[in-house]
């Protein structure tokens, strides 16, 4: 059942009632599933780079472009994603990210399904789909704080944010363990794409049910990004009118503490993603197999994730 909570504000005789909805955990599960599928789609070829290079008849360095687009696309499209969230709300942003995620997975699956015979054309089509996945990452990987603010009370907001923020790293770990187990030889690259296409379509279905139906069933006016009744006073105040978007950007990028945090976080993320992308190529050249490397992957990801969270 949904849990009501009454808070009497100072100087007011009437109490303000806030409500916590059980389906907030469905929102968390939806964001996690979307991030696991999206981040896995972005980095699953990193664990089988040599086999993927043989399949597409390209070099391993060209395979790293599947991961690099996830770094480069956000630089260009980040302002667009933040504008959509500010203008149209949480629901619209999640649906856009989920749709782009599906486009990426379906494009990669079709490219390697046999419809195209030229390996390099398959590579080019797959890489173009990967760009859509990189765009979708902007709408999914950084939405955790907004979901926590809109759906969770103050005392459980931190744990909800931590769970959702960890899901991209968890998705990368799953992908780099799963890929070497699925792809025993280069001809099984399509099987890996089919598996992630299925996972992505499942995530899209869950998003359609949880983000659309469960929210709109209670209230049409709050369907876009928040429950009918806010869970806390801070969530209620967060829904008030904000400054224009460009003014928010100016204030953000003229804040020195924020810029320092951005630089520190960027350096740590770059180290983490460097190991994620290139560990297979570095270790395979010294005689390690893909399967032996994937056994090391979860511990590496957990360690680097702790360092990033601890920053």
C-alpha atoms as a PDB file:
ATOM      1  CA  UNK A   1       0.000   0.000   0.000  1.00  0.00           C
ATOM      2  CA  UNK A   2       1.030   3.576  -0.501  1.00  0.00           C
ATOM      3  CA  UNK A   3       2.253   5.183   2.692  1.00  0.00           C
ATOM      4  CA  UNK A   4       0.943   8.630   3.697  1.00  0.00           C
ATOM      5  CA  UNK A   5       3.004  10.942   5.870  1.00  0.00           C
ATOM      6  CA  UNK A   6       1.845  14.215   7.412  1.00  0.00           C
ATOM      7  CA  UNK A   7       4.254  17.057   8.111  1.00  0.00           C
ATOM      8  CA  UNK A   8       3.216  20.224   9.912  1.00  0.00           C
ATOM      9  CA  UNK A   9       5.222  23.187   8.745  1.00  0.00           C
ATOM     10  CA  UNK A  10       6.347  25.926  11.148  1.00  0.00           C
ATOM     11  CA  UNK A  11       3.784  28.676  11.608  1.00  0.00           C
ATOM     12  CA  UNK A  12       0.975  26.755   9.906  1.00  0.00           C
ATOM     13  CA  UNK A  13      -2.030  25.192  11.591  1.00  0.00           C
ATOM     14  CA  UNK A  14      -2.800  22.786   8.792  1.00  0.00           C
ATOM     15  CA  UNK A  15      -0.595  19.789   8.058  1.00  0.00           C
ATOM     16  CA  UNK A  16       0.814  19.094   4.627  1.00  0.00           C
ATOM     17  CA  UNK A  17       0.380  15.473   3.618  1.00  0.00           C
ATOM     18  CA  UNK A  18       3.023  13.697   1.545  1.00  0.00           C
ATOM     19  CA  UNK A  19       2.632  10.237   0.112  1.00  0.00           C
ATOM     20  CA  UNK A  20       5.149   7.515  -0.691  1.00  0.00           C
ATOM     21  CA  UNK A  21       4.120   5.117  -3.459  1.00  0.00           C
ATOM     22  CA  UNK A  22       5.233   1.503  -3.577  1.00  0.00           C
ATOM     23  CA  UNK A  23       5.599   1.690  -7.347  1.00  0.00           C
ATOM     24  CA  UNK A  24       8.590   3.982  -6.836  1.00  0.00           C
ATOM     25  CA  UNK A  25      10.635   0.764  -6.759  1.00  0.00           C
ATOM     26  CA  UNK A  26       9.199  -0.158 -10.156  1.00  0.00           C
ATOM     27  CA  UNK A  27      10.613   3.130 -11.423  1.00  0.00           C
ATOM     28  CA  UNK A  28      14.009   2.185  -9.965  1.00  0.00           C
ATOM     29  CA  UNK A  29      13.847  -1.276 -11.553  1.00  0.00           C
ATOM     30  CA  UNK A  30      12.929   0.270 -14.909  1.00  0.00           C
ATOM     31  CA  UNK A  31      15.850   2.698 -14.845  1.00  0.00           C
ATOM     32  CA  UNK A  32      18.211  -0.102 -13.815  1.00  0.00           C
ATOM     33  CA  UNK A  33      17.065  -2.422 -16.605  1.00  0.00           C
ATOM     34  CA  UNK A  34      17.349   0.337 -19.199  1.00  0.00           C
ATOM     35  CA  UNK A  35      20.863   1.204 -18.035  1.00  0.00           C
ATOM     36  CA  UNK A  36      22.000  -2.430 -17.913  1.00  0.00           C
ATOM     37  CA  UNK A  37      20.872  -2.946 -21.500  1.00  0.00           C
ATOM     38  CA  UNK A  38      22.241   0.385 -22.739  1.00  0.00           C
ATOM     39  CA  UNK A  39      25.661   0.200 -21.096  1.00  0.00           C
ATOM     40  CA  UNK A  40      26.008  -3.465 -22.010  1.00  0.00           C
ATOM     41  CA  UNK A  41      25.214  -2.644 -25.619  1.00  0.00           C
ATOM     42  CA  UNK A  42      27.901   0.010 -25.552  1.00  0.00           C
ATOM     43  CA  UNK A  43      30.698  -2.157 -24.176  1.00  0.00           C
ATOM     44  CA  UNK A  44      29.920  -5.803 -24.968  1.00  0.00           C
ATOM     45  CA  UNK A  45      32.269  -5.899 -27.976  1.00  0.00           C
ATOM     46  CA  UNK A  46      35.169  -4.665 -25.841  1.00  0.00           C
ATOM     47  CA  UNK A  47      35.402  -8.111 -24.261  1.00  0.00           C
ATOM     48  CA  UNK A  48      35.639  -9.867 -27.646  1.00  0.00           C
ATOM     49  CA  UNK A  49      37.406  -7.179 -29.664  1.00  0.00           C
ATOM     50  CA  UNK A  50      39.648  -9.546 -31.640  1.00  0.00           C
ATOM     51  CA  UNK A  51      36.779 -11.843 -32.611  1.00  0.00           C
ATOM     52  CA  UNK A  52      34.638  -8.843 -33.574  1.00  0.00           C
ATOM     53  CA  UNK A  53      37.503  -7.469 -35.669  1.00  0.00           C
ATOM     54  CA  UNK A  54      37.792 -10.785 -37.510  1.00  0.00           C
ATOM     55  CA  UNK A  55      34.035 -10.912 -38.054  1.00  0.00           C
ATOM     56  CA  UNK A  56      33.794  -7.388 -39.504  1.00  0.00           C
ATOM     57  CA  UNK A  57      37.212  -7.719 -41.211  1.00  0.00           C
ATOM     58  CA  UNK A  58      38.532  -4.573 -39.552  1.00  0.00           C
ATOM     59  CA  UNK A  59      41.262  -3.851 -37.008  1.00  0.00           C
ATOM     60  CA  UNK A  60      40.760  -4.043 -33.217  1.00  0.00           C
ATOM     61  CA  UNK A  61      41.355  -0.287 -33.091  1.00  0.00           C
ATOM     62  CA  UNK A  62      38.313   0.197 -35.330  1.00  0.00           C
ATOM     63  CA  UNK A  63      36.242  -1.948 -32.955  1.00  0.00           C
ATOM     64  CA  UNK A  64      37.047   0.471 -30.135  1.00  0.00           C
ATOM     65  CA  UNK A  65      34.898   3.034 -31.966  1.00  0.00           C
ATOM     66  CA  UNK A  66      31.871   1.114 -30.675  1.00  0.00           C
ATOM     67  CA  UNK A  67      32.910   2.216 -27.190  1.00  0.00           C
ATOM     68  CA  UNK A  68      34.315   5.618 -28.115  1.00  0.00           C
ATOM     69  CA  UNK A  69      31.031   6.862 -29.547  1.00  0.00           C
ATOM     70  CA  UNK A  70      29.625   6.494 -26.023  1.00  0.00           C
ATOM     71  CA  UNK A  71      32.235   9.052 -24.948  1.00  0.00           C
ATOM     72  CA  UNK A  72      31.996  11.440 -27.897  1.00  0.00           C
ATOM     73  CA  UNK A  73      28.245  11.607 -28.528  1.00  0.00           C
ATOM     74  CA  UNK A  74      27.442  13.014 -25.037  1.00  0.00           C
ATOM     75  CA  UNK A  75      29.697  16.004 -25.701  1.00  0.00           C
ATOM     76  CA  UNK A  76      27.468  17.052 -28.595  1.00  0.00           C
ATOM     77  CA  UNK A  77      24.023  15.986 -27.406  1.00  0.00           C
ATOM     78  CA  UNK A  78      24.183  16.631 -23.636  1.00  0.00           C
ATOM     79  CA  UNK A  79      22.517  20.082 -23.911  1.00  0.00           C
ATOM     80  CA  UNK A  80      19.675  18.532 -25.921  1.00  0.00           C
ATOM     81  CA  UNK A  81      18.967  15.849 -23.331  1.00  0.00           C
ATOM     82  CA  UNK A  82      19.001  18.277 -20.411  1.00  0.00           C
ATOM     83  CA  UNK A  83      16.683  20.619 -22.327  1.00  0.00           C
ATOM     84  CA  UNK A  84      14.193  17.783 -22.955  1.00  0.00           C
ATOM     85  CA  UNK A  85      14.177  16.818 -19.281  1.00  0.00           C
ATOM     86  CA  UNK A  86      13.689  20.440 -18.225  1.00  0.00           C
ATOM     87  CA  UNK A  87      11.030  21.175 -20.828  1.00  0.00           C
ATOM     88  CA  UNK A  88       9.014  17.953 -21.051  1.00  0.00           C
ATOM     89  CA  UNK A  89       9.773  16.120 -17.826  1.00  0.00           C
ATOM     90  CA  UNK A  90      11.060  12.767 -16.647  1.00  0.00           C
ATOM     91  CA  UNK A  91       8.578  10.594 -18.514  1.00  0.00           C
ATOM     92  CA  UNK A  92       9.434  12.068 -21.927  1.00  0.00           C
ATOM     93  CA  UNK A  93      13.180  11.831 -21.290  1.00  0.00           C
ATOM     94  CA  UNK A  94      13.037   8.165 -20.282  1.00  0.00           C
ATOM     95  CA  UNK A  95      10.908   7.272 -23.296  1.00  0.00           C
ATOM     96  CA  UNK A  96      13.283   9.070 -25.680  1.00  0.00           C
ATOM     97  CA  UNK A  97      16.276   7.271 -24.157  1.00  0.00           C
ATOM     98  CA  UNK A  98      14.513   3.910 -24.267  1.00  0.00           C
ATOM     99  CA  UNK A  99      13.514   4.426 -27.913  1.00  0.00           C
ATOM    100  CA  UNK A 100      17.076   5.353 -28.917  1.00  0.00           C
ATOM    101  CA  UNK A 101      18.325   2.309 -27.036  1.00  0.00           C
ATOM    102  CA  UNK A 102      15.970   0.115 -29.067  1.00  0.00           C
ATOM    103  CA  UNK A 103      17.070   1.728 -32.330  1.00  0.00           C
ATOM    104  CA  UNK A 104      20.697   0.913 -31.497  1.00  0.00           C
ATOM    105  CA  UNK A 105      20.026  -2.711 -30.570  1.00  0.00           C
ATOM    106  CA  UNK A 106      17.716  -3.443 -33.498  1.00  0.00           C
ATOM    107  CA  UNK A 107      20.112  -1.781 -35.972  1.00  0.00           C
ATOM    108  CA  UNK A 108      23.037  -3.870 -34.767  1.00  0.00           C
ATOM    109  CA  UNK A 109      20.958  -7.058 -34.833  1.00  0.00           C
ATOM    110  CA  UNK A 110      19.732  -6.395 -38.375  1.00  0.00           C
ATOM    111  CA  UNK A 111      23.198  -5.447 -39.597  1.00  0.00           C
ATOM    112  CA  UNK A 112      24.574  -8.862 -38.620  1.00  0.00           C
ATOM    113  CA  UNK A 113      21.451 -10.887 -39.462  1.00  0.00           C
ATOM    114  CA  UNK A 114      22.582 -11.735 -42.992  1.00  0.00           C
ATOM    115  CA  UNK A 115      20.598  -9.021 -44.764  1.00  0.00           C
ATOM    116  CA  UNK A 116      23.925  -7.367 -45.607  1.00  0.00           C
ATOM    117  CA  UNK A 117      26.708  -9.539 -46.990  1.00  0.00           C
ATOM    118  CA  UNK A 118      29.621  -7.081 -47.030  1.00  0.00           C
ATOM    119  CA  UNK A 119      31.373  -7.237 -43.606  1.00  0.00           C
ATOM    120  CA  UNK A 120      32.491  -3.611 -43.747  1.00  0.00           C
ATOM    121  CA  UNK A 121      28.943  -2.441 -44.518  1.00  0.00           C
ATOM    122  CA  UNK A 122      27.779  -4.475 -41.537  1.00  0.00           C
ATOM    123  CA  UNK A 123      30.400  -2.682 -39.459  1.00  0.00           C
ATOM    124  CA  UNK A 124      29.312   0.760 -40.714  1.00  0.00           C
ATOM    125  CA  UNK A 125      25.604   0.077 -40.120  1.00  0.00           C
ATOM    126  CA  UNK A 126      26.297  -1.346 -36.662  1.00  0.00           C
ATOM    127  CA  UNK A 127      28.406   1.683 -35.769  1.00  0.00           C
ATOM    128  CA  UNK A 128      25.653   4.049 -36.903  1.00  0.00           C
ATOM    129  CA  UNK A 129      23.252   2.208 -34.614  1.00  0.00           C
ATOM    130  CA  UNK A 130      25.778   2.557 -31.818  1.00  0.00           C
ATOM    131  CA  UNK A 131      25.545   6.343 -32.181  1.00  0.00           C
ATOM    132  CA  UNK A 132      21.847   6.087 -31.331  1.00  0.00           C
ATOM    133  CA  UNK A 133      22.791   4.073 -28.258  1.00  0.00           C
ATOM    134  CA  UNK A 134      25.245   6.780 -27.204  1.00  0.00           C
ATOM    135  CA  UNK A 135      22.481   9.358 -27.524  1.00  0.00           C
ATOM    136  CA  UNK A 136      20.183   7.151 -25.459  1.00  0.00           C
ATOM    137  CA  UNK A 137      22.822   6.911 -22.735  1.00  0.00           C
ATOM    138  CA  UNK A 138      22.375  10.632 -22.047  1.00  0.00           C
ATOM    139  CA  UNK A 139      18.707  10.083 -21.194  1.00  0.00           C
ATOM    140  CA  UNK A 140      19.232   6.981 -19.059  1.00  0.00           C
ATOM    141  CA  UNK A 141      22.573   6.995 -17.243  1.00  0.00           C
ATOM    142  CA  UNK A 142      22.141  10.376 -15.536  1.00  0.00           C
ATOM    143  CA  UNK A 143      18.452  10.253 -14.588  1.00  0.00           C
ATOM    144  CA  UNK A 144      18.905   8.635 -11.172  1.00  0.00           C
ATOM    145  CA  UNK A 145      18.890  11.844  -9.106  1.00  0.00           C
ATOM    146  CA  UNK A 146      15.753  13.127 -10.826  1.00  0.00           C
ATOM    147  CA  UNK A 147      13.875   9.868 -10.229  1.00  0.00           C
ATOM    148  CA  UNK A 148      14.979   9.833  -6.592  1.00  0.00           C
ATOM    149  CA  UNK A 149      13.917  13.448  -6.069  1.00  0.00           C
ATOM    150  CA  UNK A 150      10.477  12.984  -7.585  1.00  0.00           C
ATOM    151  CA  UNK A 151       9.573   9.591  -6.109  1.00  0.00           C
ATOM    152  CA  UNK A 152      11.478   9.053  -2.839  1.00  0.00           C
ATOM    153  CA  UNK A 153      11.344  10.669   0.614  1.00  0.00           C
ATOM    154  CA  UNK A 154      14.462  12.269   2.019  1.00  0.00           C
ATOM    155  CA  UNK A 155      15.467   9.303   4.202  1.00  0.00           C
ATOM    156  CA  UNK A 156      15.624   6.800   1.314  1.00  0.00           C
ATOM    157  CA  UNK A 157      16.706   9.048  -1.522  1.00  0.00           C
ATOM    158  CA  UNK A 158      20.403   8.267  -1.149  1.00  0.00           C
ATOM    159  CA  UNK A 159      20.005   4.497  -1.394  1.00  0.00           C
ATOM    160  CA  UNK A 160      17.727   4.833  -4.437  1.00  0.00           C
ATOM    161  CA  UNK A 161      20.209   7.124  -6.163  1.00  0.00           C
ATOM    162  CA  UNK A 162      23.102   4.776  -5.381  1.00  0.00           C
ATOM    163  CA  UNK A 163      21.288   1.737  -6.776  1.00  0.00           C
ATOM    164  CA  UNK A 164      20.379   3.475 -10.019  1.00  0.00           C
ATOM    165  CA  UNK A 165      23.756   5.171 -10.428  1.00  0.00           C
ATOM    166  CA  UNK A 166      25.526   1.819 -10.042  1.00  0.00           C
ATOM    167  CA  UNK A 167      23.448   0.123 -12.762  1.00  0.00           C
ATOM    168  CA  UNK A 168      25.546   1.321 -15.775  1.00  0.00           C
ATOM    169  CA  UNK A 169      28.718  -0.111 -14.220  1.00  0.00           C
ATOM    170  CA  UNK A 170      26.840  -3.287 -13.382  1.00  0.00           C
ATOM    171  CA  UNK A 171      25.638  -3.501 -16.983  1.00  0.00           C
ATOM    172  CA  UNK A 172      29.207  -3.197 -18.261  1.00  0.00           C
ATOM    173  CA  UNK A 173      30.337  -5.964 -15.905  1.00  0.00           C
ATOM    174  CA  UNK A 174      27.512  -8.237 -17.070  1.00  0.00           C
ATOM    175  CA  UNK A 175      28.349  -7.528 -20.718  1.00  0.00           C
ATOM    176  CA  UNK A 176      32.034  -8.251 -20.332  1.00  0.00           C
ATOM    177  CA  UNK A 177      31.331 -11.513 -18.524  1.00  0.00           C
ATOM    178  CA  UNK A 178      28.560 -12.560 -20.893  1.00  0.00           C
ATOM    179  CA  UNK A 179      30.224 -11.699 -24.211  1.00  0.00           C
ATOM    180  CA  UNK A 180      33.191 -14.144 -23.991  1.00  0.00           C
ATOM    181  CA  UNK A 181      30.839 -16.907 -22.837  1.00  0.00           C
ATOM    182  CA  UNK A 182      28.465 -16.344 -25.760  1.00  0.00           C
ATOM    183  CA  UNK A 183      31.046 -15.582 -28.453  1.00  0.00           C
ATOM    184  CA  UNK A 184      33.300 -18.635 -28.621  1.00  0.00           C
ATOM    185  CA  UNK A 185      34.162 -17.908 -32.243  1.00  0.00           C
ATOM    186  CA  UNK A 186      33.763 -14.962 -34.536  1.00  0.00           C
ATOM    187  CA  UNK A 187      30.650 -16.313 -36.261  1.00  0.00           C
ATOM    188  CA  UNK A 188      28.716 -15.945 -32.974  1.00  0.00           C
ATOM    189  CA  UNK A 189      28.866 -12.130 -32.951  1.00  0.00           C
ATOM    190  CA  UNK A 190      25.270 -12.017 -34.313  1.00  0.00           C
ATOM    191  CA  UNK A 191      24.125 -14.187 -31.384  1.00  0.00           C
ATOM    192  CA  UNK A 192      25.453 -11.570 -28.974  1.00  0.00           C
ATOM    193  CA  UNK A 193      23.583  -8.852 -30.866  1.00  0.00           C
ATOM    194  CA  UNK A 194      20.359 -10.875 -30.795  1.00  0.00           C
ATOM    195  CA  UNK A 195      20.677 -11.385 -27.040  1.00  0.00           C
ATOM    196  CA  UNK A 196      21.053  -7.671 -26.392  1.00  0.00           C
ATOM    197  CA  UNK A 197      18.295  -6.851 -28.837  1.00  0.00           C
ATOM    198  CA  UNK A 198      15.954  -9.056 -26.798  1.00  0.00           C
ATOM    199  CA  UNK A 199      17.084  -7.486 -23.525  1.00  0.00           C
ATOM    200  CA  UNK A 200      16.605  -3.993 -24.935  1.00  0.00           C
ATOM    201  CA  UNK A 201      13.107  -4.756 -26.221  1.00  0.00           C
ATOM    202  CA  UNK A 202      12.237  -6.171 -22.794  1.00  0.00           C
ATOM    203  CA  UNK A 203      13.480  -2.956 -21.176  1.00  0.00           C
ATOM    204  CA  UNK A 204      11.351  -0.919 -23.601  1.00  0.00           C
ATOM    205  CA  UNK A 205       8.267  -2.954 -22.693  1.00  0.00           C
ATOM    206  CA  UNK A 206       8.924  -2.484 -18.977  1.00  0.00           C
ATOM    207  CA  UNK A 207       9.361   1.263 -19.512  1.00  0.00           C
ATOM    208  CA  UNK A 208       6.064   1.482 -21.400  1.00  0.00           C
ATOM    209  CA  UNK A 209       4.269  -0.274 -18.541  1.00  0.00           C
ATOM    210  CA  UNK A 210       5.944   1.348 -15.535  1.00  0.00           C
ATOM    211  CA  UNK A 211       6.658   4.867 -16.730  1.00  0.00           C
ATOM    212  CA  UNK A 212       3.452   5.380 -18.727  1.00  0.00           C
ATOM    213  CA  UNK A 213       0.634   3.232 -17.406  1.00  0.00           C
ATOM    214  CA  UNK A 214       1.427   3.271 -13.700  1.00  0.00           C
ATOM    215  CA  UNK A 215       1.927   6.994 -13.559  1.00  0.00           C
ATOM    216  CA  UNK A 216      -0.959   8.128 -15.741  1.00  0.00           C
ATOM    217  CA  UNK A 217      -3.436   5.800 -14.037  1.00  0.00           C
ATOM    218  CA  UNK A 218      -3.454   8.027 -10.974  1.00  0.00           C
ATOM    219  CA  UNK A 219      -3.270  11.515 -12.405  1.00  0.00           C
ATOM    220  CA  UNK A 220      -3.134  12.971 -15.871  1.00  0.00           C
ATOM    221  CA  UNK A 221      -1.717  16.306 -14.777  1.00  0.00           C
ATOM    222  CA  UNK A 222       1.289  14.679 -13.082  1.00  0.00           C
ATOM    223  CA  UNK A 223       1.894  11.964 -15.669  1.00  0.00           C
ATOM    224  CA  UNK A 224       5.004  13.520 -17.119  1.00  0.00           C
ATOM    225  CA  UNK A 225       7.538  13.219 -14.333  1.00  0.00           C
ATOM    226  CA  UNK A 226       6.188  12.801 -10.806  1.00  0.00           C
ATOM    227  CA  UNK A 227       3.579  11.016  -8.677  1.00  0.00           C
ATOM    228  CA  UNK A 228       0.242  12.704  -7.910  1.00  0.00           C
ATOM    229  CA  UNK A 229       1.347  13.621  -4.370  1.00  0.00           C
ATOM    230  CA  UNK A 230       5.006  14.510  -3.660  1.00  0.00           C
ATOM    231  CA  UNK A 231       6.878  12.225  -1.244  1.00  0.00           C
ATOM    232  CA  UNK A 232       8.589  15.034   0.682  1.00  0.00           C
ATOM    233  CA  UNK A 233       8.798  18.765   1.141  1.00  0.00           C
ATOM    234  CA  UNK A 234      11.983  18.999  -0.929  1.00  0.00           C
ATOM    235  CA  UNK A 235      10.290  17.139  -3.802  1.00  0.00           C
ATOM    236  CA  UNK A 236       7.389  19.579  -3.606  1.00  0.00           C
ATOM    237  CA  UNK A 237       9.712  22.575  -3.700  1.00  0.00           C
ATOM    238  CA  UNK A 238      11.662  21.028  -6.581  1.00  0.00           C
ATOM    239  CA  UNK A 239       8.535  21.213  -8.713  1.00  0.00           C
ATOM    240  CA  UNK A 240       8.290  24.988  -8.462  1.00  0.00           C
ATOM    241  CA  UNK A 241       9.083  27.293 -11.373  1.00  0.00           C
ATOM    242  CA  UNK A 242      12.729  27.378 -12.429  1.00  0.00           C
ATOM    243  CA  UNK A 243      14.931  29.901 -14.155  1.00  0.00           C
ATOM    244  CA  UNK A 244      15.168  29.774 -17.966  1.00  0.00           C
ATOM    245  CA  UNK A 245      17.285  26.931 -19.310  1.00  0.00           C
ATOM    246  CA  UNK A 246      20.141  29.070 -20.652  1.00  0.00           C
ATOM    247  CA  UNK A 247      20.325  30.929 -17.358  1.00  0.00           C
ATOM    248  CA  UNK A 248      20.638  27.612 -15.525  1.00  0.00           C
ATOM    249  CA  UNK A 249      23.489  26.576 -17.816  1.00  0.00           C
ATOM    250  CA  UNK A 250      25.306  29.859 -17.272  1.00  0.00           C
ATOM    251  CA  UNK A 251      24.981  29.572 -13.507  1.00  0.00           C
ATOM    252  CA  UNK A 252      26.198  25.967 -13.566  1.00  0.00           C
ATOM    253  CA  UNK A 253      29.303  26.540 -15.688  1.00  0.00           C
ATOM    254  CA  UNK A 254      30.346  29.643 -13.780  1.00  0.00           C
ATOM    255  CA  UNK A 255      30.374  27.771 -10.468  1.00  0.00           C
ATOM    256  CA  UNK A 256      34.000  26.950  -9.604  1.00  0.00           C
ATOM    257  CA  UNK A 257      33.224  24.111  -7.122  1.00  0.00           C
ATOM    258  CA  UNK A 258      31.081  22.429  -9.769  1.00  0.00           C
ATOM    259  CA  UNK A 259      33.825  22.753 -12.378  1.00  0.00           C
ATOM    260  CA  UNK A 260      36.338  21.237  -9.971  1.00  0.00           C
ATOM    261  CA  UNK A 261      33.991  18.327  -9.267  1.00  0.00           C
ATOM    262  CA  UNK A 262      33.393  17.930 -12.997  1.00  0.00           C
ATOM    263  CA  UNK A 263      37.123  17.741 -13.700  1.00  0.00           C
ATOM    264  CA  UNK A 264      37.741  15.214 -10.908  1.00  0.00           C
ATOM    265  CA  UNK A 265      34.821  13.055 -11.934  1.00  0.00           C
ATOM    266  CA  UNK A 266      35.876  13.211 -15.560  1.00  0.00           C
ATOM    267  CA  UNK A 267      39.395  11.995 -14.772  1.00  0.00           C
ATOM    268  CA  UNK A 268      38.125   9.068 -12.698  1.00  0.00           C
ATOM    269  CA  UNK A 269      35.539   8.148 -15.312  1.00  0.00           C
ATOM    270  CA  UNK A 270      38.199   8.270 -18.029  1.00  0.00           C
ATOM    271  CA  UNK A 271      40.425   5.842 -16.092  1.00  0.00           C
ATOM    272  CA  UNK A 272      37.490   3.515 -15.475  1.00  0.00           C
ATOM    273  CA  UNK A 273      36.358   3.542 -19.098  1.00  0.00           C
ATOM    274  CA  UNK A 274      39.917   3.115 -20.389  1.00  0.00           C
ATOM    275  CA  UNK A 275      40.295  -0.144 -18.478  1.00  0.00           C
ATOM    276  CA  UNK A 276      36.795  -1.185 -19.507  1.00  0.00           C
ATOM    277  CA  UNK A 277      37.500  -0.655 -23.194  1.00  0.00           C
ATOM    278  CA  UNK A 278      41.083  -1.826 -23.583  1.00  0.00           C
ATOM    279  CA  UNK A 279      41.645  -4.504 -20.912  1.00  0.00           C
ATOM    280  CA  UNK A 280      40.814  -7.358 -23.293  1.00  0.00           C
ATOM    281  CA  UNK A 281      43.160  -6.111 -25.999  1.00  0.00           C
ATOM    282  CA  UNK A 282      45.983  -5.518 -23.519  1.00  0.00           C
ATOM    283  CA  UNK A 283      45.713  -8.865 -21.740  1.00  0.00           C
ATOM    284  CA  UNK A 284      45.006 -11.033 -24.787  1.00  0.00           C
ATOM    285  CA  UNK A 285      48.274  -9.883 -26.305  1.00  0.00           C
ATOM    286  CA  UNK A 286      50.094 -11.401 -23.306  1.00  0.00           C
ATOM    287  CA  UNK A 287      48.420 -14.802 -23.668  1.00  0.00           C
ATOM    288  CA  UNK A 288      45.256 -14.522 -21.570  1.00  0.00           C
ATOM    289  CA  UNK A 289      42.022 -15.885 -23.025  1.00  0.00           C
ATOM    290  CA  UNK A 290      38.747 -13.939 -23.191  1.00  0.00           C
ATOM    291  CA  UNK A 291      37.161 -16.211 -20.579  1.00  0.00           C
ATOM    292  CA  UNK A 292      40.031 -15.760 -18.102  1.00  0.00           C
ATOM    293  CA  UNK A 293      39.822 -11.996 -18.543  1.00  0.00           C
ATOM    294  CA  UNK A 294      36.051 -11.955 -17.968  1.00  0.00           C
ATOM    295  CA  UNK A 295      36.584 -13.720 -14.611  1.00  0.00           C
ATOM    296  CA  UNK A 296      38.623 -10.695 -13.517  1.00  0.00           C
ATOM    297  CA  UNK A 297      36.149  -8.156 -14.868  1.00  0.00           C
ATOM    298  CA  UNK A 298      33.556  -7.991 -12.027  1.00  0.00           C
ATOM    299  CA  UNK A 299      36.181  -7.344  -9.361  1.00  0.00           C
ATOM    300  CA  UNK A 300      37.762  -4.634 -11.491  1.00  0.00           C
ATOM    301  CA  UNK A 301      34.429  -2.936 -12.113  1.00  0.00           C
ATOM    302  CA  UNK A 302      33.403  -3.059  -8.462  1.00  0.00           C
ATOM    303  CA  UNK A 303      36.734  -1.545  -7.375  1.00  0.00           C
ATOM    304  CA  UNK A 304      36.599   1.257  -9.940  1.00  0.00           C
ATOM    305  CA  UNK A 305      32.923   1.922  -9.194  1.00  0.00           C
ATOM    306  CA  UNK A 306      33.699   2.314  -5.494  1.00  0.00           C
ATOM    307  CA  UNK A 307      36.440   4.807  -6.345  1.00  0.00           C
ATOM    308  CA  UNK A 308      34.077   6.813  -8.564  1.00  0.00           C
ATOM    309  CA  UNK A 309      31.286   6.841  -5.961  1.00  0.00           C
ATOM    310  CA  UNK A 310      33.780   7.765  -3.242  1.00  0.00           C
ATOM    311  CA  UNK A 311      34.888  10.871  -5.122  1.00  0.00           C
END
